[in-house]
Protein backbone atom coordinates (compact mmCIF):
# COMPACT_ATOMS: atom_id res chain seq x y z
CA MET A 1 37.73 -3.50 -23.81
CA TRP A 2 36.01 -4.18 -27.04
CA SER A 3 38.07 -6.38 -29.39
CA GLY A 4 38.10 -6.08 -33.13
CA SER A 5 36.21 -9.34 -33.42
CA ARG A 6 33.22 -7.81 -31.57
CA ILE A 7 32.84 -5.00 -34.09
CA THR A 8 30.38 -5.92 -36.83
CA ARG A 9 29.52 -4.17 -40.05
CA GLY A 10 26.29 -2.68 -38.63
CA PHE A 11 27.89 -1.48 -35.40
CA THR A 12 27.98 2.21 -34.53
CA PRO A 13 29.24 3.77 -31.29
CA SER A 14 26.02 5.79 -30.91
CA ALA A 15 23.92 2.60 -30.99
CA LEU A 16 26.04 1.06 -28.23
CA VAL A 17 25.85 4.18 -26.09
CA GLY A 18 22.08 4.39 -26.64
CA ASP A 19 21.68 0.77 -25.53
CA LEU A 20 23.77 1.38 -22.41
CA ILE A 21 21.69 4.47 -21.57
CA ARG A 22 18.47 2.46 -21.91
CA GLN A 23 19.76 -0.35 -19.68
CA THR A 24 21.00 2.14 -17.07
CA ARG A 25 17.65 3.94 -16.99
CA GLU A 26 15.82 0.66 -16.52
CA ARG A 27 18.16 -0.31 -13.67
CA ILE A 28 17.76 3.11 -11.99
CA ALA A 29 13.97 2.93 -12.34
CA ALA A 30 13.88 -0.54 -10.77
CA GLU A 31 16.15 0.51 -7.92
CA THR A 32 14.15 3.72 -7.38
CA GLU A 33 10.95 1.68 -7.17
CA MET A 34 12.59 -0.64 -4.65
CA LEU A 35 13.84 2.32 -2.60
CA THR A 36 10.37 3.88 -2.59
CA ARG A 37 8.82 0.63 -1.44
CA LEU A 38 11.40 0.20 1.34
CA ARG A 39 10.82 3.77 2.53
CA ARG A 40 7.09 3.15 2.66
CA ILE A 41 7.58 -0.01 4.66
CA ASP A 42 9.85 1.90 7.05
CA ALA A 43 7.28 4.72 7.32
CA ALA A 44 4.72 2.21 8.52
CA ASP A 45 7.02 1.62 11.53
CA PRO A 46 6.56 -2.15 11.58
CA ALA A 47 7.03 -3.76 14.99
CA GLY A 48 8.14 -7.14 13.66
CA TRP A 49 8.51 -9.37 10.64
CA GLU A 50 4.81 -10.15 10.57
CA ASP A 51 4.04 -6.45 10.26
CA VAL A 52 6.66 -6.05 7.53
CA LEU A 53 5.15 -8.89 5.52
CA GLN A 54 1.66 -7.45 5.97
CA VAL A 55 2.70 -4.01 4.68
CA VAL A 56 4.54 -5.59 1.73
CA ALA A 57 1.45 -7.63 0.87
CA LEU A 58 -0.81 -4.56 1.00
CA LEU A 59 1.56 -2.51 -1.15
CA GLN A 60 1.70 -5.29 -3.71
CA ALA A 61 -2.09 -5.63 -3.67
CA LEU A 62 -2.53 -1.89 -4.29
CA GLY A 63 -0.56 -2.35 -7.51
CA SER A 64 -2.41 -5.50 -8.54
CA LYS A 65 -4.12 -5.78 -11.92
CA SER A 66 -7.21 -7.08 -10.13
CA PRO A 67 -9.68 -4.34 -9.07
CA ASP A 68 -11.00 -6.62 -6.32
CA ALA A 69 -7.51 -7.06 -4.90
CA ARG A 70 -6.88 -3.31 -4.98
CA GLN A 71 -10.21 -2.62 -3.29
CA ARG A 72 -9.54 -5.17 -0.53
CA ALA A 73 -6.10 -3.64 0.02
CA ALA A 74 -7.60 -0.15 0.33
CA LEU A 75 -10.22 -1.31 2.82
CA SER A 76 -7.57 -3.21 4.82
CA SER A 77 -5.15 -0.29 4.93
CA VAL A 78 -6.63 1.24 8.09
CA ASP A 79 -5.94 -1.81 10.25
CA GLU A 80 -3.20 -2.11 12.89
CA VAL A 81 -0.41 -1.83 10.31
CA PRO A 82 -1.63 0.95 7.99
CA VAL A 83 -0.32 1.56 4.49
CA PRO A 84 1.79 4.75 4.30
CA VAL A 85 -0.23 7.73 3.09
CA GLU A 86 2.13 8.28 0.13
CA ALA A 87 1.18 4.87 -1.27
CA LEU A 88 -2.54 5.57 -0.81
CA VAL A 89 -2.26 8.93 -2.57
CA GLU A 90 -0.32 7.41 -5.46
CA ALA A 91 -2.94 4.69 -5.81
CA ALA A 92 -5.85 7.15 -5.57
CA LEU A 93 -4.41 9.42 -8.26
CA SER A 94 -3.99 6.54 -10.71
CA GLU A 95 -7.14 4.52 -9.99
CA THR A 96 -9.74 4.35 -12.78
CA GLU A 97 -12.24 1.86 -11.30
CA PRO A 98 -14.99 3.84 -9.46
CA ASN A 99 -15.49 1.32 -6.64
CA VAL A 100 -11.77 1.03 -5.96
CA ALA A 101 -11.36 4.81 -6.15
CA GLY A 102 -14.12 5.22 -3.55
CA ALA A 103 -12.41 2.73 -1.23
CA LEU A 104 -9.11 4.57 -1.62
CA ARG A 105 -10.72 7.92 -0.81
CA TRP A 106 -12.30 6.32 2.27
CA ALA A 107 -8.91 5.00 3.36
CA LEU A 108 -7.24 8.36 2.73
CA ALA A 109 -9.84 10.15 4.85
CA ARG A 110 -8.72 7.93 7.75
CA SER A 111 -5.01 8.02 7.04
CA GLY A 112 -4.07 10.88 9.35
CA GLU A 113 -1.76 13.77 8.49
CA GLY A 114 0.05 14.37 5.23
CA GLY A 115 -2.69 13.39 2.80
CA PRO A 116 -4.03 16.86 1.88
CA ALA A 117 -0.60 18.26 1.00
CA LEU A 118 0.23 15.25 -1.18
CA LEU A 119 -3.15 15.39 -2.91
CA ALA A 120 -2.69 19.11 -3.53
CA GLU A 121 0.43 18.25 -5.53
CA GLY A 122 -1.82 16.15 -7.77
CA LEU A 123 -3.80 19.30 -8.62
CA GLY A 124 -0.76 20.45 -10.58
CA SER A 125 -0.74 17.38 -12.82
CA PRO A 126 -0.89 18.01 -16.59
CA VAL A 127 -3.45 15.18 -16.80
CA ALA A 128 -7.05 16.33 -16.25
CA ALA A 129 -8.18 12.96 -14.87
CA VAL A 130 -5.45 13.02 -12.23
CA ARG A 131 -6.42 16.55 -11.18
CA GLU A 132 -10.05 15.46 -10.79
CA ARG A 133 -9.08 12.42 -8.70
CA ALA A 134 -6.93 14.65 -6.51
CA VAL A 135 -9.67 17.19 -5.80
CA ARG A 136 -12.32 14.50 -5.25
CA SER A 137 -10.05 12.86 -2.70
CA LEU A 138 -9.37 16.20 -1.06
CA ALA A 139 -13.10 16.83 -0.85
CA GLU A 140 -13.48 13.79 1.40
CA MET A 141 -10.52 14.58 3.64
CA PRO A 142 -11.39 15.94 7.09
CA GLY A 143 -9.65 18.77 8.90
CA ASP A 144 -8.46 22.33 8.45
CA GLU A 145 -5.57 21.42 6.14
CA ALA A 146 -7.95 19.91 3.59
CA VAL A 147 -10.21 22.98 3.81
CA ALA A 148 -7.20 25.25 3.19
CA GLN A 149 -6.19 23.25 0.11
CA LEU A 150 -9.76 23.33 -1.19
CA ARG A 151 -9.88 27.11 -0.72
CA ASP A 152 -6.75 27.42 -2.85
CA ALA A 153 -8.38 25.20 -5.47
CA LEU A 154 -11.20 27.73 -5.94
CA VAL A 155 -8.87 29.75 -8.19
CA HIS A 156 -7.49 26.75 -10.07
CA PRO A 157 -7.46 27.18 -13.88
CA ASP A 158 -9.33 23.87 -14.29
CA ALA A 159 -13.09 24.45 -13.98
CA VAL A 160 -13.65 20.85 -12.88
CA VAL A 161 -11.24 21.30 -9.99
CA ARG A 162 -12.88 24.59 -9.00
CA GLY A 163 -16.30 22.97 -9.11
CA HIS A 164 -15.46 20.00 -6.89
CA ALA A 165 -13.69 22.31 -4.43
CA ALA A 166 -16.68 24.67 -4.28
CA LEU A 167 -19.16 21.86 -3.71
CA ALA A 168 -17.06 20.41 -0.90
CA LEU A 169 -16.58 23.79 0.77
CA GLY A 170 -20.22 24.75 0.34
CA THR A 171 -21.44 21.65 2.14
CA ARG A 172 -18.99 22.49 4.93
CA GLY A 173 -20.44 25.97 5.25
CA VAL A 174 -17.41 27.83 3.84
CA ALA A 175 -18.69 31.09 2.33
CA ASP A 176 -15.72 31.52 -0.02
CA ALA A 177 -17.38 28.96 -2.29
CA VAL A 178 -20.40 31.18 -3.11
CA PRO A 179 -19.08 32.96 -6.26
CA THR A 180 -17.88 29.69 -7.80
CA LEU A 181 -21.16 27.95 -6.98
CA ILE A 182 -23.12 30.73 -8.72
CA ASP A 183 -20.78 30.48 -11.71
CA MET A 184 -21.53 26.75 -11.88
CA ILE A 185 -25.27 27.45 -12.01
CA VAL A 186 -24.82 29.99 -14.79
CA GLU A 187 -22.58 27.65 -16.79
CA GLY A 188 -24.75 24.58 -16.17
CA ARG A 189 -21.96 22.54 -14.54
CA ASN A 190 -23.37 20.40 -11.72
CA ASP A 191 -25.87 23.22 -11.29
CA THR A 192 -28.30 21.16 -9.16
CA ASP A 193 -25.54 20.21 -6.73
CA ALA A 194 -24.33 23.82 -6.69
CA ALA A 195 -27.84 25.07 -5.83
CA ASP A 196 -28.05 22.49 -3.03
CA ALA A 197 -24.72 23.71 -1.64
CA LEU A 198 -25.98 27.30 -1.73
CA SER A 199 -29.08 26.29 0.21
CA VAL A 200 -26.83 24.78 2.89
CA LEU A 201 -24.85 28.02 3.11
CA ALA A 202 -28.08 30.05 3.19
CA THR A 203 -29.01 28.65 6.60
CA ASP A 204 -26.83 31.50 7.87
CA ASN A 205 -28.79 34.75 7.51
CA ALA A 206 -25.78 36.83 6.49
CA GLN A 207 -24.84 34.32 3.82
CA ALA A 208 -28.44 34.07 2.63
CA ASP A 209 -28.40 37.79 1.87
CA ARG A 210 -25.06 37.51 0.07
CA ILE A 211 -26.28 34.56 -2.00
CA THR A 212 -29.52 36.35 -2.87
CA THR A 213 -27.57 39.38 -4.06
CA GLY A 214 -25.31 37.21 -6.18
CA LEU A 215 -28.18 35.32 -7.83
CA ILE A 216 -30.23 38.45 -8.53
CA ASP A 217 -27.22 40.32 -9.93
CA ARG A 218 -26.53 37.49 -12.36
CA LEU A 219 -30.19 37.37 -13.37
CA ALA A 220 -30.05 41.06 -14.22
CA HIS A 221 -26.78 40.78 -16.13
CA ASP A 222 -27.18 41.58 -19.82
CA THR A 223 -25.03 38.66 -20.97
CA THR A 224 -26.87 36.02 -18.93
CA ARG A 225 -28.87 34.00 -21.46
CA ALA A 226 -32.23 32.28 -21.13
CA PRO A 227 -31.17 28.78 -19.95
CA ALA A 228 -28.89 30.25 -17.30
CA ARG A 229 -31.60 32.66 -16.11
CA GLY A 230 -33.91 29.71 -15.62
CA ARG A 231 -31.33 27.86 -13.52
CA LEU A 232 -30.65 30.96 -11.44
CA THR A 233 -34.38 31.43 -10.80
CA GLN A 234 -34.71 27.83 -9.70
CA ALA A 235 -31.72 28.25 -7.36
CA LEU A 236 -33.63 30.95 -5.49
CA ALA A 237 -36.01 28.22 -4.29
CA GLY A 238 -33.55 27.08 -1.63
CA ILE A 239 -32.80 30.55 -0.26
CA PRO A 240 -34.97 31.85 2.58
CA GLY A 241 -35.98 35.46 3.18
CA ALA A 242 -38.39 38.19 2.14
CA ARG A 243 -35.94 39.57 -0.39
CA VAL A 244 -36.07 36.35 -2.39
CA SER A 245 -39.88 36.44 -2.31
CA ARG A 246 -39.85 39.99 -3.69
CA ALA A 247 -37.42 38.95 -6.41
CA LEU A 248 -39.65 36.03 -7.38
CA VAL A 249 -42.67 38.35 -7.62
CA GLU A 250 -40.76 40.51 -10.11
CA LEU A 251 -39.51 37.47 -12.01
CA SER A 252 -43.05 36.10 -12.30
CA HIS A 253 -43.62 38.94 -14.79
CA ASP A 254 -40.34 38.37 -16.64
CA GLY A 255 -40.27 38.57 -20.41
CA ASP A 256 -38.83 35.06 -20.53
CA ARG A 257 -41.88 32.82 -20.17
CA ALA A 258 -39.90 29.92 -18.69
CA VAL A 259 -38.43 32.20 -16.02
CA ALA A 260 -41.86 33.74 -15.27
CA LEU A 261 -43.54 30.34 -14.90
CA THR A 262 -40.72 29.02 -12.69
CA ALA A 263 -40.90 32.09 -10.44
CA ALA A 264 -44.69 31.86 -10.16
CA TYR A 265 -44.49 28.19 -9.24
CA LEU A 266 -41.83 28.86 -6.59
CA LEU A 267 -43.98 31.62 -5.12
CA GLN A 268 -46.88 29.17 -4.80
CA LEU A 269 -44.62 26.74 -2.95
CA ARG A 270 -43.41 29.46 -0.59
CA ASP A 271 -46.98 30.59 0.12
CA ALA A 272 -47.99 26.99 0.81
CA ARG A 273 -45.21 26.65 3.37
C-alpha cells in the first residue's frame, strides 16, 4: 500500500496509473518479442544446441544496425539451419538498403512454403514503401501460390503494386497482366518495361492479337493524349503480325507528327527484318 509519506504535492492518481500502464506495455512488448523469437527458433526445428545458437545468431544479425551484417545473415539463411520464413518476411518488409533487400528477396525465393501468403499480408500495409517491398518480393517468389497472389494484386488500389505485379506476371506469360501493362504505357509508369513484358506475352499468337487490339483501341481513344499515343505506337514494335503492320501504315499518316515518324521508322525496321 501507498503510505502518506509517499504522496507528494505534485502527485496525482492518473499520473501513477499512466506510468504503470507504460511500464506494463514495455514489459509485454519485450516478452512478446522474446516469444516471437523463441517460436522462430522452434520453427527452424534445430537438431541440437549448435543449431539453436546458429539460428539465434542469424536472427540477431537480421536485426543488426549494420547493413553488411544483415546482408550476410540473409545470404546465410538458406544453409543447413535456415531462418524461419516469418523472420525473412519481416526483415524484407522493413529493409531500406537496396543490396540487403535484394539478398532478402533471394533468400525468400528459396525459403519454401509460406512466404507468398505472408508477403501478401504486407500488401495491406498503410505504408506505401512496405507495400512496394512486399510486391517486389512476391515478384521473385516461384510457384503457383506466388502467381495467385500476384493476380490478386492486379486490382490493388495502389498503382505501384499493380505495376510490379503486372510486370512479374507478364514475364511469366500470364495473360491477365495485359490490361494493366497497357495502362502503364498510357500513364508512363515503367512504360518501357511494360512494353517488354507485352512483347514476351506476344510470342503466343492468340495473345499477340489481344495485345494488338488493346494498343490500337487505346490509340484511337479520344482522351489518349499525344505523349501516351507515342508510347503506345512504340509498344507496337515488339508485337508480331500483319495486323500491327497495317496499323503502323495508318499511323505513319497520323496527324501527330511524332506518332507518324515513329510509325514510319518502325515500318522500316519491320521491312528490313
